[in-house]
């Protein structure tokens, strides 16, 4: 065979082999590229899932929780605690209820539901004046023997201010109708007892942030 033809045949085989090798290499790199791309997509997907989970957790943390009713019914440490003053009339000089009403009305004490009370405000629940004898209300009475002035400390604000007003009114009534002003133990009201009441009022105001200007 002519050597030229042999070289041509060898060249053709070489080209075919090179073509097959090039094709194999191309396929190999393409598969590797696909694998890498898929891996990148997987990592990105995991990252997005992580961000979504973190955002969800943050929303759960920041979500406003509605308190339960039991949590709202907080116990007031002043439940059942009172500051009490009494006014006792002389046996032979009991004031008439209508005259007492007029005196208290001048001092902005209103009569309703069988007892007297100071006018309420947003931060001051005020005090009440009750009939110190059974049945406790003034309905049907013509004269009064015993008055009980009560300041309930539960939920009160500005207790010092309210007590001072309560004491002032009680002193005016005592003076106007010659009644004896007593403490909660039915003893004559002393400065020591007044200071004790004020100390109690001041402690409550400090806890609740109520201060009299």
Protein backbone atom coordinates (compact mmCIF):
# COMPACT_ATOMS: atom_id res chain seq x y z
CA UNK A 1 0.00 0.00 0.00
CA UNK A 2 1.14 3.47 -0.79
CA UNK A 3 2.61 5.11 2.34
CA UNK A 4 0.60 8.27 1.69
CA UNK A 5 -2.66 6.34 1.98
CA UNK A 6 -1.43 4.75 5.19
CA UNK A 7 -0.74 8.19 6.69
CA UNK A 8 -4.19 9.36 5.67
CA UNK A 9 -5.84 6.31 7.32
CA UNK A 10 -3.78 6.85 10.50
CA UNK A 11 -4.77 10.51 10.52
CA UNK A 12 -8.46 9.64 10.19
CA UNK A 13 -8.24 7.15 13.11
CA UNK A 14 -6.42 9.74 15.20
CA UNK A 15 -9.10 12.33 14.49
CA UNK A 16 -11.82 9.85 15.41
CA UNK A 17 -10.07 9.01 18.70
CA UNK A 18 -9.57 12.68 19.48
CA UNK A 19 -13.23 13.32 18.75
CA UNK A 20 -14.31 10.48 21.05
CA UNK A 21 -11.97 11.71 23.82
CA UNK A 22 -13.19 15.28 23.45
CA UNK A 23 -16.80 14.13 23.67
CA UNK A 24 -16.08 12.10 26.82
CA UNK A 25 -14.35 15.07 28.44
CA UNK A 26 -17.24 17.36 27.52
CA UNK A 27 -19.80 14.99 29.03
CA UNK A 28 -17.75 14.59 32.20
CA UNK A 29 -17.39 18.35 32.83
CA UNK A 30 -21.04 18.94 32.00
CA UNK A 31 -22.17 16.39 34.61
CA UNK A 32 -19.85 17.88 37.19
CA UNK A 33 -21.22 21.34 36.44
CA UNK A 34 -24.76 20.11 36.83
CA UNK A 35 -23.90 18.52 40.16
CA UNK A 36 -22.31 21.73 41.43
CA UNK A 37 -25.23 23.79 40.25
CA UNK A 38 -27.68 21.47 41.96
CA UNK A 39 -25.63 21.62 45.15
CA UNK A 40 -25.59 25.43 45.04
CA UNK A 41 -29.32 25.48 44.56
CA UNK A 42 -29.72 23.10 47.49
CA UNK A 43 -27.57 25.28 49.74
CA UNK A 44 -29.50 28.38 48.72
CA UNK A 45 -32.75 26.60 49.39
CA UNK A 46 -31.55 25.57 52.85
CA UNK A 47 -30.47 29.15 53.54
CA UNK A 48 -33.86 30.48 52.50
CA UNK A 49 -35.56 27.91 54.67
CA UNK A 50 -33.37 28.94 57.59
CA UNK A 51 -34.21 32.62 57.05
CA UNK A 52 -37.89 31.75 56.85
CA UNK A 53 -37.67 29.76 60.10
CA UNK A 54 -35.81 32.59 61.85
CA UNK A 55 -38.37 35.13 60.63
CA UNK A 56 -41.18 32.89 61.86
CA UNK A 57 -39.51 32.51 65.25
CA UNK A 58 -39.03 36.28 65.46
CA UNK A 59 -42.70 36.80 64.68
CA UNK A 60 -43.62 34.34 67.39
CA UNK A 61 -41.37 36.10 69.89
CA UNK A 62 -42.68 39.57 69.01
CA UNK A 63 -46.30 38.52 68.86
CA UNK A 64 -48.44 40.30 71.45
CA UNK A 65 -49.82 37.78 73.90
CA UNK A 66 -53.27 38.51 75.24
CA UNK A 67 -53.13 38.09 79.04
CA UNK A 68 -55.47 35.62 80.64
CA UNK A 69 -58.30 36.88 82.82
CA UNK A 70 -56.70 35.35 85.91
CA UNK A 71 -53.59 37.45 85.30
CA UNK A 72 -55.66 40.63 85.19
CA UNK A 73 -57.38 39.98 88.49
CA UNK A 74 -54.36 40.97 90.52
CA UNK A 75 -54.76 40.93 94.28
CA UNK A 76 -54.60 44.41 95.81
CA UNK A 77 -52.52 44.27 99.00
CA UNK A 78 -54.88 46.88 100.47
CA UNK A 79 -57.90 44.62 100.10
CA UNK A 80 -60.01 45.02 103.23
CA UNK A 81 -57.83 47.79 104.72
CA UNK A 82 -59.56 50.95 105.91
CA UNK A 83 -58.90 54.27 107.58
CA UNK A 84 -61.84 54.89 109.87
CA UNK A 85 -62.98 57.85 111.97
CA UNK A 86 -66.09 58.08 114.14
CA UNK A 87 -68.29 60.98 115.22
CA UNK A 88 -70.39 60.46 118.36
CA UNK A 89 -73.27 62.79 119.22
CA UNK A 90 -74.27 63.79 122.72
CA UNK A 91 -77.26 61.82 124.01
CA UNK A 92 -79.28 64.99 124.53
CA UNK A 93 -78.11 66.76 121.39
CA UNK A 94 -78.43 64.49 118.37
CA UNK A 95 -78.24 66.43 115.08
CA UNK A 96 -81.01 66.12 112.54
CA UNK A 97 -80.19 64.25 109.36
CA UNK A 98 -81.46 67.06 107.11
CA UNK A 99 -79.19 69.59 108.80
CA UNK A 100 -76.21 67.23 108.40
CA UNK A 101 -77.06 66.88 104.70
CA UNK A 102 -76.95 70.64 104.27
CA UNK A 103 -73.62 70.91 106.09
CA UNK A 104 -72.00 68.14 104.06
CA UNK A 105 -73.39 69.41 100.77
CA UNK A 106 -71.56 72.70 101.32
CA UNK A 107 -68.35 70.64 101.61
CA UNK A 108 -69.09 68.83 98.31
CA UNK A 109 -70.19 65.62 100.03
CA UNK A 110 -73.17 64.11 98.21
CA UNK A 111 -75.94 61.92 99.61
CA UNK A 112 -77.05 58.83 97.69
CA UNK A 113 -78.19 55.27 98.33
CA UNK A 114 -78.55 55.93 102.05
CA UNK A 115 -75.05 57.26 102.78
CA UNK A 116 -72.73 60.18 102.01
CA UNK A 117 -69.65 60.12 99.80
CA UNK A 118 -67.07 62.59 98.55
CA UNK A 119 -67.22 63.36 94.86
CA UNK A 120 -65.21 60.90 92.80
CA UNK A 121 -62.48 61.73 90.34
CA UNK A 122 -60.34 59.65 87.99
CA UNK A 123 -57.52 59.16 90.51
CA UNK A 124 -59.42 59.52 93.76
CA UNK A 125 -62.20 57.19 94.84
CA UNK A 126 -62.96 59.35 97.85
CA UNK A 127 -64.40 58.44 101.24
CA UNK A 128 -67.83 57.58 102.58
CA UNK A 129 -69.84 58.62 105.64
CA UNK A 130 -72.12 55.90 106.99
CA UNK A 131 -74.61 55.56 109.80
CA UNK A 132 -72.44 54.12 112.58
CA UNK A 133 -75.39 52.20 113.98
CA UNK A 134 -77.40 49.33 112.56
CA UNK A 135 -78.53 49.15 109.76
CA UNK A 136 -75.66 51.34 108.50
CA UNK A 137 -77.72 53.57 106.21
CA UNK A 138 -79.47 56.83 107.02
CA UNK A 139 -82.75 56.01 105.26
CA UNK A 140 -85.70 56.70 107.54
CA UNK A 141 -83.68 58.41 110.27
CA UNK A 142 -84.59 61.81 111.65
CA UNK A 143 -81.66 62.26 114.02
CA UNK A 144 -78.14 60.84 113.98
CA UNK A 145 -76.29 59.38 116.98
CA UNK A 146 -73.13 58.01 115.42
CA UNK A 147 -71.32 58.70 112.13
CA UNK A 148 -68.59 56.48 110.67
CA UNK A 149 -66.24 58.02 108.11
CA UNK A 150 -64.52 55.37 105.98
CA UNK A 151 -61.65 55.55 103.53
CA UNK A 152 -61.25 52.21 101.75
CA UNK A 153 -57.60 51.84 100.73
CA UNK A 154 -58.12 49.29 97.94
CA UNK A 155 -57.42 50.86 94.55
CA UNK A 156 -56.98 54.32 96.06
CA UNK A 157 -54.64 56.96 94.71
CA UNK A 158 -53.67 60.25 96.38
CA UNK A 159 -54.55 58.69 99.73
CA UNK A 160 -52.84 61.45 101.72
CA UNK A 161 -54.89 64.14 99.98
CA UNK A 162 -58.10 62.17 100.49
CA UNK A 163 -57.37 61.53 104.16
CA UNK A 164 -56.66 65.22 104.80
CA UNK A 165 -60.00 66.11 103.19
CA UNK A 166 -61.72 63.39 105.21
CA UNK A 167 -60.20 64.71 108.45
CA UNK A 168 -61.10 68.32 107.61
CA UNK A 169 -64.76 67.46 106.93
CA UNK A 170 -64.97 65.31 110.08
CA UNK A 171 -63.63 68.16 112.21
CA UNK A 172 -66.13 70.60 110.70
CA UNK A 173 -69.03 68.25 111.43
CA UNK A 174 -67.75 67.60 114.96
CA UNK A 175 -67.48 71.32 115.64
CA UNK A 176 -70.82 72.24 114.05
CA UNK A 177 -72.84 69.62 115.94
CA UNK A 178 -70.76 69.31 119.11
CA UNK A 179 -69.88 65.70 118.29
CA UNK A 180 -66.86 63.84 119.64
CA UNK A 181 -64.26 62.85 117.03
CA UNK A 182 -62.92 59.32 117.62
CA UNK A 183 -60.34 57.00 116.04
CA UNK A 184 -61.06 53.50 114.73
CA UNK A 185 -60.90 52.09 118.28
CA UNK A 186 -63.56 54.56 119.54
CA UNK A 187 -60.94 56.51 121.47
CA UNK A 188 -60.66 60.31 121.28
CA UNK A 189 -58.67 61.17 118.14
CA UNK A 190 -55.12 62.18 119.04
CA UNK A 191 -52.30 63.69 117.01
CA UNK A 192 -50.46 60.37 117.31
CA UNK A 193 -53.38 58.54 115.72
CA UNK A 194 -53.55 61.16 112.96
CA UNK A 195 -49.83 60.75 112.29
CA UNK A 196 -50.27 56.98 112.08
CA UNK A 197 -53.06 57.41 109.52
CA UNK A 198 -50.93 59.79 107.50
CA UNK A 199 -47.98 57.41 107.61
CA UNK A 200 -50.20 54.66 106.19
CA UNK A 201 -51.48 57.02 103.48
CA UNK A 202 -47.97 58.16 102.57
CA UNK A 203 -46.68 54.58 102.20
CA UNK A 204 -49.50 53.75 99.78
CA UNK A 205 -48.89 56.90 97.75
CA UNK A 206 -45.17 56.07 97.48
CA UNK A 207 -45.97 52.57 96.16
CA UNK A 208 -48.54 53.75 93.64
CA UNK A 209 -46.60 56.83 92.53
CA UNK A 210 -49.26 59.23 93.82
CA UNK A 211 -47.89 62.52 95.09
CA UNK A 212 -49.77 65.58 96.22
CA UNK A 213 -48.42 68.78 94.68
